[in-house]
Amino acid sequence: MTINFQIIYYLHWQDIEEGKISTCPDLLSILINTPDEEGHLATNEEIKDNMLTLLFAGYDSTNCTLSVVLKYLFLNPHCLHEVIKGIVHFTRFFFGNN
C-alpha cells in the first residue's frame, strides 16, 4: 500500500482552514515542508520512514523511561512525596485551587 503524504497534508490544511483543528505546526507539516541540507523536500518514502521511526522509537523510549522513573520513585518514598508536592503546586498555580 502506497501512502501519499501530500494528499494527507492537503486534507490536513483543509481541516485547519475550516477551523476543525489547531493551526500549530505539527510533525507531518514539518516533515513535508522542511528541505534537507541540499534544499530537497522529503519523498513520501522518507516521510513514512521518519514517521514510523518517531512513532515507535518515541513510544519505546518513553515507556522505558517512565518505567525506570516510577521504579525509583517507589523505591524512594521521600522523592515520590516531593514529586507529588510539585504536581500539586503546579496544578494549583495553573488551574486554581479547585
PDB file of N, CA and C in Angstrom:
ATOM      1  N   MET A   1       0.839  -1.173   0.000  1.00  0.00           N
ATOM      2  CA  MET A   1       0.000   0.000   0.000  1.00  0.00           C
ATOM      3  C   MET A   1       0.888   1.241   0.000  1.00  0.00           C
ATOM      4  N   THR A   2       0.621   2.166  -0.898  1.00  0.00           N
ATOM      5  CA  THR A   2       1.383   3.393  -1.001  1.00  0.00           C
ATOM      6  C   THR A   2       0.610   4.521  -0.319  1.00  0.00           C
ATOM      7  N   ILE A   3       1.314   5.267   0.514  1.00  0.00           N
ATOM      8  CA  ILE A   3       0.708   6.403   1.200  1.00  0.00           C
ATOM      9  C   ILE A   3       1.216   7.675   0.545  1.00  0.00           C
ATOM     10  N   ASN A   4       0.302   8.531   0.113  1.00  0.00           N
ATOM     11  CA  ASN A   4       0.701   9.807  -0.457  1.00  0.00           C
ATOM     12  C   ASN A   4       0.518  10.879   0.611  1.00  0.00           C
ATOM     13  N   PHE A   5       1.628  11.293   1.216  1.00  0.00           N
ATOM     14  CA  PHE A   5       1.568  12.254   2.304  1.00  0.00           C
ATOM     15  C   PHE A   5       1.171  13.654   1.830  1.00  0.00           C
ATOM     16  N   GLN A   6       1.379  13.945   0.548  1.00  0.00           N
ATOM     17  CA  GLN A   6       0.962  15.251   0.034  1.00  0.00           C
ATOM     18  C   GLN A   6      -0.560  15.376   0.084  1.00  0.00           C
ATOM     19  N   ILE A   7      -1.271  14.294  -0.201  1.00  0.00           N
ATOM     20  CA  ILE A   7      -2.736  14.311  -0.126  1.00  0.00           C
ATOM     21  C   ILE A   7      -3.180  14.455   1.323  1.00  0.00           C
ATOM     22  N   ILE A   8      -2.538  13.711   2.222  1.00  0.00           N
ATOM     23  CA  ILE A   8      -2.861  13.816   3.644  1.00  0.00           C
ATOM     24  C   ILE A   8      -2.623  15.247   4.115  1.00  0.00           C
ATOM     25  N   TYR A   9      -1.529  15.841   3.693  1.00  0.00           N
ATOM     26  CA  TYR A   9      -1.187  17.214   4.069  1.00  0.00           C
ATOM     27  C   TYR A   9      -2.244  18.187   3.562  1.00  0.00           C
ATOM     28  N   TYR A  10      -2.674  18.009   2.313  1.00  0.00           N
ATOM     29  CA  TYR A  10      -3.698  18.879   1.732  1.00  0.00           C
ATOM     30  C   TYR A  10      -4.996  18.783   2.533  1.00  0.00           C
ATOM     31  N   LEU A  11      -5.409  17.567   2.851  1.00  0.00           N
ATOM     32  CA  LEU A  11      -6.637  17.381   3.638  1.00  0.00           C
ATOM     33  C   LEU A  11      -6.481  17.965   5.036  1.00  0.00           C
ATOM     34  N   HIS A  12      -5.293  17.836   5.597  1.00  0.00           N
ATOM     35  CA  HIS A  12      -4.988  18.398   6.913  1.00  0.00           C
ATOM     36  C   HIS A  12      -5.178  19.914   6.893  1.00  0.00           C
ATOM     37  N   TRP A  13      -4.664  20.589   5.859  1.00  0.00           N
ATOM     38  CA  TRP A  13      -4.791  22.044   5.786  1.00  0.00           C
ATOM     39  C   TRP A  13      -6.215  22.471   5.502  1.00  0.00           C
ATOM     40  N   GLN A  14      -6.986  21.640   4.824  1.00  0.00           N
ATOM     41  CA  GLN A  14      -8.408  21.946   4.664  1.00  0.00           C
ATOM     42  C   GLN A  14      -9.092  21.983   6.027  1.00  0.00           C
ATOM     43  N   ASP A  15      -8.774  21.022   6.875  1.00  0.00           N
ATOM     44  CA  ASP A  15      -9.341  20.987   8.225  1.00  0.00           C
ATOM     45  C   ASP A  15      -8.927  22.214   9.029  1.00  0.00           C
ATOM     46  N   ILE A  16      -7.675  22.662   8.882  1.00  0.00           N
ATOM     47  CA  ILE A  16      -7.217  23.860   9.590  1.00  0.00           C
ATOM     48  C   ILE A  16      -8.000  25.080   9.116  1.00  0.00           C
ATOM     49  N   GLU A  17      -8.150  25.227   7.805  1.00  0.00           N
ATOM     50  CA  GLU A  17      -8.863  26.382   7.257  1.00  0.00           C
ATOM     51  C   GLU A  17     -10.326  26.389   7.684  1.00  0.00           C
ATOM     52  N   GLU A  18     -10.909  25.223   7.871  1.00  0.00           N
ATOM     53  CA  GLU A  18     -12.303  25.136   8.303  1.00  0.00           C
ATOM     54  C   GLU A  18     -12.436  25.245   9.821  1.00  0.00           C
ATOM     55  N   GLY A  19     -11.303  25.405  10.515  1.00  0.00           N
ATOM     56  CA  GLY A  19     -11.327  25.569  11.963  1.00  0.00           C
ATOM     57  C   GLY A  19     -11.573  24.291  12.734  1.00  0.00           C
ATOM     58  N   LYS A  20     -11.404  23.152  12.098  1.00  0.00           N
ATOM     59  CA  LYS A  20     -11.646  21.871  12.764  1.00  0.00           C
ATOM     60  C   LYS A  20     -10.489  21.454  13.668  1.00  0.00           C
ATOM     61  N   ILE A  21      -9.270  21.928  13.375  1.00  0.00           N
ATOM     62  CA  ILE A  21      -8.098  21.567  14.173  1.00  0.00           C
ATOM     63  C   ILE A  21      -7.199  22.776  14.362  1.00  0.00           C
ATOM     64  N   SER A  22      -6.229  22.658  15.234  1.00  0.00           N
ATOM     65  CA  SER A  22      -5.319  23.745  15.587  1.00  0.00           C
ATOM     66  C   SER A  22      -4.418  24.134  14.422  1.00  0.00           C
ATOM     67  N   THR A  23      -3.988  25.390  14.447  1.00  0.00           N
ATOM     68  CA  THR A  23      -3.058  25.879  13.424  1.00  0.00           C
ATOM     69  C   THR A  23      -1.604  25.730  13.857  1.00  0.00           C
ATOM     70  N   CYS A  24      -1.345  25.154  15.024  1.00  0.00           N
ATOM     71  CA  CYS A  24       0.034  24.946  15.487  1.00  0.00           C
ATOM     72  C   CYS A  24       0.757  23.998  14.539  1.00  0.00           C
ATOM     73  N   PRO A  25       2.055  24.239  14.313  1.00  0.00           N
ATOM     74  CA  PRO A  25       2.808  23.332  13.438  1.00  0.00           C
ATOM     75  C   PRO A  25       2.816  21.919  14.015  1.00  0.00           C
ATOM     76  N   ASP A  26       2.607  20.954  13.166  1.00  0.00           N
ATOM     77  CA  ASP A  26       2.626  19.571  13.610  1.00  0.00           C
ATOM     78  C   ASP A  26       3.768  18.836  12.910  1.00  0.00           C
ATOM     79  N   LEU A  27       4.032  17.629  13.382  1.00  0.00           N
ATOM     80  CA  LEU A  27       5.166  16.866  12.879  1.00  0.00           C
ATOM     81  C   LEU A  27       5.074  16.596  11.379  1.00  0.00           C
ATOM     82  N   LEU A  28       3.894  16.214  10.890  1.00  0.00           N
ATOM     83  CA  LEU A  28       3.752  15.915   9.470  1.00  0.00           C
ATOM     84  C   LEU A  28       4.038  17.156   8.625  1.00  0.00           C
ATOM     85  N   SER A  29       3.511  18.301   9.029  1.00  0.00           N
ATOM     86  CA  SER A  29       3.763  19.545   8.283  1.00  0.00           C
ATOM     87  C   SER A  29       5.248  19.868   8.233  1.00  0.00           C
ATOM     88  N   ILE A  30       5.926  19.688   9.353  1.00  0.00           N
ATOM     89  CA  ILE A  30       7.362  19.970   9.402  1.00  0.00           C
ATOM     90  C   ILE A  30       8.130  19.022   8.493  1.00  0.00           C
ATOM     91  N   LEU A  31       7.790  17.725   8.543  1.00  0.00           N
ATOM     92  CA  LEU A  31       8.491  16.756   7.696  1.00  0.00           C
ATOM     93  C   LEU A  31       8.261  17.021   6.213  1.00  0.00           C
ATOM     94  N   ILE A  32       7.061  17.447   5.852  1.00  0.00           N
ATOM     95  CA  ILE A  32       6.745  17.685   4.445  1.00  0.00           C
ATOM     96  C   ILE A  32       7.389  18.972   3.934  1.00  0.00           C
ATOM     97  N   ASN A  33       7.437  20.002   4.766  1.00  0.00           N
ATOM     98  CA  ASN A  33       7.856  21.331   4.301  1.00  0.00           C
ATOM     99  C   ASN A  33       9.310  21.697   4.556  1.00  0.00           C
ATOM    100  N   THR A  34      10.044  20.897   5.308  1.00  0.00           N
ATOM    101  CA  THR A  34      11.419  21.247   5.642  1.00  0.00           C
ATOM    102  C   THR A  34      12.394  20.579   4.668  1.00  0.00           C
ATOM    103  N   PRO A  35      13.126  21.388   3.922  1.00  0.00           N
ATOM    104  CA  PRO A  35      14.089  20.805   2.978  1.00  0.00           C
ATOM    105  C   PRO A  35      15.326  20.267   3.707  1.00  0.00           C
ATOM    106  N   ASP A  36      16.018  19.342   3.052  1.00  0.00           N
ATOM    107  CA  ASP A  36      17.260  18.816   3.625  1.00  0.00           C
ATOM    108  C   ASP A  36      18.404  19.813   3.370  1.00  0.00           C
ATOM    109  N   GLU A  37      19.630  19.388   3.673  1.00  0.00           N
ATOM    110  CA  GLU A  37      20.785  20.275   3.534  1.00  0.00           C
ATOM    111  C   GLU A  37      20.986  20.761   2.102  1.00  0.00           C
ATOM    112  N   GLU A  38      20.522  19.976   1.138  1.00  0.00           N
ATOM    113  CA  GLU A  38      20.700  20.329  -0.274  1.00  0.00           C
ATOM    114  C   GLU A  38      19.486  21.050  -0.849  1.00  0.00           C
ATOM    115  N   GLY A  39      18.487  21.312  -0.011  1.00  0.00           N
ATOM    116  CA  GLY A  39      17.304  22.038  -0.459  1.00  0.00           C
ATOM    117  C   GLY A  39      16.188  21.176  -1.026  1.00  0.00           C
ATOM    118  N   HIS A  40      16.326  19.845  -0.937  1.00  0.00           N
ATOM    119  CA  HIS A  40      15.297  18.943  -1.469  1.00  0.00           C
ATOM    120  C   HIS A  40      14.282  18.585  -0.384  1.00  0.00           C
ATOM    121  N   LEU A  41      13.017  18.533  -0.785  1.00  0.00           N
ATOM    122  CA  LEU A  41      11.982  18.094   0.139  1.00  0.00           C
ATOM    123  C   LEU A  41      11.983  16.572   0.221  1.00  0.00           C
ATOM    124  N   ALA A  42      11.506  16.050   1.321  1.00  0.00           N
ATOM    125  CA  ALA A  42      11.491  14.602   1.533  1.00  0.00           C
ATOM    126  C   ALA A  42      10.496  13.927   0.596  1.00  0.00           C
ATOM    127  N   THR A  43      10.831  12.717   0.190  1.00  0.00           N
ATOM    128  CA  THR A  43       9.914  11.919  -0.615  1.00  0.00           C
ATOM    129  C   THR A  43       8.876  11.289   0.313  1.00  0.00           C
ATOM    130  N   ASN A  44       7.829  10.747  -0.264  1.00  0.00           N
ATOM    131  CA  ASN A  44       6.818  10.057   0.536  1.00  0.00           C
ATOM    132  C   ASN A  44       7.432   8.924   1.345  1.00  0.00           C
ATOM    133  N   GLU A  45       8.352   8.213   0.744  1.00  0.00           N
ATOM    134  CA  GLU A  45       9.014   7.093   1.431  1.00  0.00           C
ATOM    135  C   GLU A  45       9.818   7.585   2.633  1.00  0.00           C
ATOM    136  N   GLU A  46      10.540   8.685   2.455  1.00  0.00           N
ATOM    137  CA  GLU A  46      11.322   9.243   3.567  1.00  0.00           C
ATOM    138  C   GLU A  46      10.417   9.746   4.690  1.00  0.00           C
ATOM    139  N   ILE A  47       9.318  10.382   4.313  1.00  0.00           N
ATOM    140  CA  ILE A  47       8.368  10.865   5.327  1.00  0.00           C
ATOM    141  C   ILE A  47       7.789   9.688   6.097  1.00  0.00           C
ATOM    142  N   LYS A  48       7.407   8.637   5.383  1.00  0.00           N
ATOM    143  CA  LYS A  48       6.855   7.446   6.039  1.00  0.00           C
ATOM    144  C   LYS A  48       7.877   6.840   6.994  1.00  0.00           C
ATOM    145  N   ASP A  49       9.116   6.699   6.538  1.00  0.00           N
ATOM    146  CA  ASP A  49      10.173   6.134   7.386  1.00  0.00           C
ATOM    147  C   ASP A  49      10.396   6.975   8.640  1.00  0.00           C
ATOM    148  N   ASN A  50      10.428   8.298   8.475  1.00  0.00           N
ATOM    149  CA  ASN A  50      10.627   9.182   9.625  1.00  0.00           C
ATOM    150  C   ASN A  50       9.463   9.109  10.602  1.00  0.00           C
ATOM    151  N   MET A  51       8.244   9.072  10.086  1.00  0.00           N
ATOM    152  CA  MET A  51       7.061   8.987  10.958  1.00  0.00           C
ATOM    153  C   MET A  51       7.080   7.677  11.742  1.00  0.00           C
ATOM    154  N   LEU A  52       7.382   6.572  11.074  1.00  0.00           N
ATOM    155  CA  LEU A  52       7.419   5.277  11.760  1.00  0.00           C
ATOM    156  C   LEU A  52       8.537   5.232  12.801  1.00  0.00           C
ATOM    157  N   THR A  53       9.690   5.778  12.455  1.00  0.00           N
ATOM    158  CA  THR A  53      10.801   5.813  13.405  1.00  0.00           C
ATOM    159  C   THR A  53      10.419   6.612  14.646  1.00  0.00           C
ATOM    160  N   LEU A  54       9.866   7.798  14.446  1.00  0.00           N
ATOM    161  CA  LEU A  54       9.484   8.634  15.580  1.00  0.00           C
ATOM    162  C   LEU A  54       8.372   7.995  16.401  1.00  0.00           C
ATOM    163  N   LEU A  55       7.434   7.371  15.729  1.00  0.00           N
ATOM    164  CA  LEU A  55       6.324   6.734  16.437  1.00  0.00           C
ATOM    165  C   LEU A  55       6.807   5.596  17.319  1.00  0.00           C
ATOM    166  N   PHE A  56       7.569   4.685  16.755  1.00  0.00           N
ATOM    167  CA  PHE A  56       7.989   3.514  17.519  1.00  0.00           C
ATOM    168  C   PHE A  56       9.145   3.809  18.461  1.00  0.00           C
ATOM    169  N   ALA A  57      10.101   4.605  18.028  1.00  0.00           N
ATOM    170  CA  ALA A  57      11.221   4.938  18.910  1.00  0.00           C
ATOM    171  C   ALA A  57      10.735   5.788  20.073  1.00  0.00           C
ATOM    172  N   GLY A  58       9.851   6.733  19.796  1.00  0.00           N
ATOM    173  CA  GLY A  58       9.314   7.577  20.856  1.00  0.00           C
ATOM    174  C   GLY A  58       8.516   6.782  21.856  1.00  0.00           C
ATOM    175  N   TYR A  59       7.710   5.852  21.374  1.00  0.00           N
ATOM    176  CA  TYR A  59       6.899   5.034  22.273  1.00  0.00           C
ATOM    177  C   TYR A  59       7.780   4.169  23.159  1.00  0.00           C
ATOM    178  N   ASP A  60       8.740   3.526  22.552  1.00  0.00           N
ATOM    179  CA  ASP A  60       9.590   2.606  23.293  1.00  0.00           C
ATOM    180  C   ASP A  60      10.446   3.334  24.320  1.00  0.00           C
ATOM    181  N   SER A  61      11.055   4.444  23.939  1.00  0.00           N
ATOM    182  CA  SER A  61      11.913   5.165  24.880  1.00  0.00           C
ATOM    183  C   SER A  61      11.100   5.811  25.989  1.00  0.00           C
ATOM    184  N   THR A  62       9.909   6.322  25.678  1.00  0.00           N
ATOM    185  CA  THR A  62       9.043   6.894  26.706  1.00  0.00           C
ATOM    186  C   THR A  62       8.608   5.828  27.684  1.00  0.00           C
ATOM    187  N   ASN A  63       8.228   4.695  27.164  1.00  0.00           N
ATOM    188  CA  ASN A  63       7.803   3.575  28.002  1.00  0.00           C
ATOM    189  C   ASN A  63       8.922   3.148  28.944  1.00  0.00           C
ATOM    190  N   CYS A  64      10.102   3.008  28.417  1.00  0.00           N
ATOM    191  CA  CYS A  64      11.258   2.592  29.213  1.00  0.00           C
ATOM    192  C   CYS A  64      11.599   3.639  30.275  1.00  0.00           C
ATOM    193  N   THR A  65      11.634   4.897  29.879  1.00  0.00           N
ATOM    194  CA  THR A  65      11.974   5.978  30.807  1.00  0.00           C
ATOM    195  C   THR A  65      10.973   6.060  31.947  1.00  0.00           C
ATOM    196  N   LEU A  66       9.682   6.017  31.622  1.00  0.00           N
ATOM    197  CA  LEU A  66       8.664   6.085  32.668  1.00  0.00           C
ATOM    198  C   LEU A  66       8.751   4.898  33.614  1.00  0.00           C
ATOM    199  N   SER A  67       9.041   3.730  33.090  1.00  0.00           N
ATOM    200  CA  SER A  67       9.178   2.544  33.947  1.00  0.00           C
ATOM    201  C   SER A  67      10.307   2.715  34.954  1.00  0.00           C
ATOM    202  N   VAL A  68      11.446   3.210  34.493  1.00  0.00           N
ATOM    203  CA  VAL A  68      12.593   3.404  35.382  1.00  0.00           C
ATOM    204  C   VAL A  68      12.293   4.494  36.404  1.00  0.00           C
ATOM    205  N   VAL A  69      11.709   5.600  35.963  1.00  0.00           N
ATOM    206  CA  VAL A  69      11.380   6.692  36.882  1.00  0.00           C
ATOM    207  C   VAL A  69      10.415   6.212  37.958  1.00  0.00           C
ATOM    208  N   LEU A  70       9.359   5.511  37.558  1.00  0.00           N
ATOM    209  CA  LEU A  70       8.391   5.019  38.541  1.00  0.00           C
ATOM    210  C   LEU A  70       9.026   4.026  39.511  1.00  0.00           C
ATOM    211  N   LYS A  71       9.877   3.164  39.007  1.00  0.00           N
ATOM    212  CA  LYS A  71      10.545   2.206  39.879  1.00  0.00           C
ATOM    213  C   LYS A  71      11.317   2.925  40.975  1.00  0.00           C
ATOM    214  N   TYR A  72      12.132   3.911  40.576  1.00  0.00           N
ATOM    215  CA  TYR A  72      12.963   4.600  41.557  1.00  0.00           C
ATOM    216  C   TYR A  72      12.154   5.527  42.467  1.00  0.00           C
ATOM    217  N   LEU A  73      11.057   6.067  41.963  1.00  0.00           N
ATOM    218  CA  LEU A  73      10.201   6.868  42.840  1.00  0.00           C
ATOM    219  C   LEU A  73       9.587   6.001  43.937  1.00  0.00           C
ATOM    220  N   PHE A  74       9.134   4.814  43.582  1.00  0.00           N
ATOM    221  CA  PHE A  74       8.526   3.939  44.584  1.00  0.00           C
ATOM    222  C   PHE A  74       9.567   3.326  45.521  1.00  0.00           C
ATOM    223  N   LEU A  75      10.806   3.231  45.074  1.00  0.00           N
ATOM    224  CA  LEU A  75      11.871   2.755  45.961  1.00  0.00           C
ATOM    225  C   LEU A  75      12.364   3.868  46.901  1.00  0.00           C
ATOM    226  N   ASN A  76      12.012   5.120  46.576  1.00  0.00           N
ATOM    227  CA  ASN A  76      12.430   6.279  47.372  1.00  0.00           C
ATOM    228  C   ASN A  76      11.204   7.126  47.710  1.00  0.00           C
ATOM    229  N   PRO A  77      10.447   6.738  48.731  1.00  0.00           N
ATOM    230  CA  PRO A  77       9.194   7.429  49.052  1.00  0.00           C
ATOM    231  C   PRO A  77       9.350   8.929  49.302  1.00  0.00           C
ATOM    232  N   HIS A  78      10.482   9.364  49.865  1.00  0.00           N
ATOM    233  CA  HIS A  78      10.671  10.797  50.090  1.00  0.00           C
ATOM    234  C   HIS A  78      10.728  11.559  48.758  1.00  0.00           C
ATOM    235  N   CYS A  79      11.308  10.958  47.733  1.00  0.00           N
ATOM    236  CA  CYS A  79      11.338  11.580  46.401  1.00  0.00           C
ATOM    237  C   CYS A  79       9.941  11.598  45.791  1.00  0.00           C
ATOM    238  N   LEU A  80       9.215  10.503  45.951  1.00  0.00           N
ATOM    239  CA  LEU A  80       7.840  10.429  45.452  1.00  0.00           C
ATOM    240  C   LEU A  80       7.002  11.532  46.087  1.00  0.00           C
ATOM    241  N   HIS A  81       7.166  11.727  47.389  1.00  0.00           N
ATOM    242  CA  HIS A  81       6.421  12.766  48.102  1.00  0.00           C
ATOM    243  C   HIS A  81       6.742  14.153  47.519  1.00  0.00           C
ATOM    244  N   GLU A  82       8.014  14.408  47.225  1.00  0.00           N
ATOM    245  CA  GLU A  82       8.404  15.699  46.650  1.00  0.00           C
ATOM    246  C   GLU A  82       7.816  15.894  45.255  1.00  0.00           C
ATOM    247  N   VAL A  83       7.779  14.838  44.468  1.00  0.00           N
ATOM    248  CA  VAL A  83       7.197  14.912  43.128  1.00  0.00           C
ATOM    249  C   VAL A  83       5.702  15.224  43.237  1.00  0.00           C
ATOM    250  N   ILE A  84       5.015  14.556  44.150  1.00  0.00           N
ATOM    251  CA  ILE A  84       3.578  14.799  44.336  1.00  0.00           C
ATOM    252  C   ILE A  84       3.344  16.244  44.776  1.00  0.00           C
ATOM    253  N   LYS A  85       4.178  16.746  45.693  1.00  0.00           N
ATOM    254  CA  LYS A  85       4.049  18.146  46.116  1.00  0.00           C
ATOM    255  C   LYS A  85       4.237  19.092  44.925  1.00  0.00           C
ATOM    256  N   GLY A  86       5.198  18.782  44.060  1.00  0.00           N
ATOM    257  CA  GLY A  86       5.431  19.610  42.877  1.00  0.00           C
ATOM    258  C   GLY A  86       4.244  19.591  41.926  1.00  0.00           C
ATOM    259  N   ILE A  87       3.650  18.437  41.746  1.00  0.00           N
ATOM    260  CA  ILE A  87       2.485  18.324  40.864  1.00  0.00           C
ATOM    261  C   ILE A  87       1.315  19.115  41.433  1.00  0.00           C
ATOM    262  N   VAL A  88       1.099  19.010  42.735  1.00  0.00           N
ATOM    263  CA  VAL A  88       0.010  19.748  43.379  1.00  0.00           C
ATOM    264  C   VAL A  88       0.244  21.250  43.232  1.00  0.00           C
ATOM    265  N   HIS A  89       1.478  21.700  43.465  1.00  0.00           N
ATOM    266  CA  HIS A  89       1.805  23.118  43.330  1.00  0.00           C
ATOM    267  C   HIS A  89       1.571  23.584  41.891  1.00  0.00           C
ATOM    268  N   PHE A  90       2.057  22.843  40.933  1.00  0.00           N
ATOM    269  CA  PHE A  90       1.890  23.167  39.512  1.00  0.00           C
ATOM    270  C   PHE A  90       0.413  23.262  39.159  1.00  0.00           C
ATOM    271  N   THR A  91      -0.363  22.272  39.587  1.00  0.00           N
ATOM    272  CA  THR A  91      -1.791  22.230  39.277  1.00  0.00           C
ATOM    273  C   THR A  91      -2.511  23.433  39.872  1.00  0.00           C
ATOM    274  N   ARG A  92      -2.222  23.746  41.112  1.00  0.00           N
ATOM    275  CA  ARG A  92      -2.860  24.904  41.762  1.00  0.00           C
ATOM    276  C   ARG A  92      -2.451  26.200  41.096  1.00  0.00           C
ATOM    277  N   PHE A  93      -1.191  26.311  40.700  1.00  0.00           N
ATOM    278  CA  PHE A  93      -0.699  27.525  40.062  1.00  0.00           C
ATOM    279  C   PHE A  93      -1.417  27.783  38.744  1.00  0.00           C
ATOM    280  N   PHE A  94      -1.562  26.740  37.932  1.00  0.00           N
ATOM    281  CA  PHE A  94      -2.142  26.921  36.605  1.00  0.00           C
ATOM    282  C   PHE A  94      -3.659  26.774  36.560  1.00  0.00           C
ATOM    283  N   PHE A  95      -4.246  26.007  37.471  1.00  0.00           N
ATOM    284  CA  PHE A  95      -5.680  25.737  37.387  1.00  0.00           C
ATOM    285  C   PHE A  95      -6.469  26.210  38.596  1.00  0.00           C
ATOM    286  N   GLY A  96      -5.821  26.829  39.549  1.00  0.00           N
ATOM    287  CA  GLY A  96      -6.519  27.288  40.748  1.00  0.00           C
ATOM    288  C   GLY A  96      -6.635  26.193  41.789  1.00  0.00           C
ATOM    289  N   ASN A  97      -7.322  26.484  42.863  1.00  0.00           N
ATOM    290  CA  ASN A  97      -7.431  25.554  43.974  1.00  0.00           C
ATOM    291  C   ASN A  97      -8.585  24.574  43.848  1.00  0.00           C
ATOM    292  N   ASN A  98      -9.256  24.549  42.749  1.00  0.00           N
ATOM    293  CA  ASN A  98     -10.411  23.643  42.592  1.00  0.00           C
ATOM    294  C   ASN A  98     -10.018  22.206  42.545  1.00  0.00           C
TER     295      ASN A  98
END
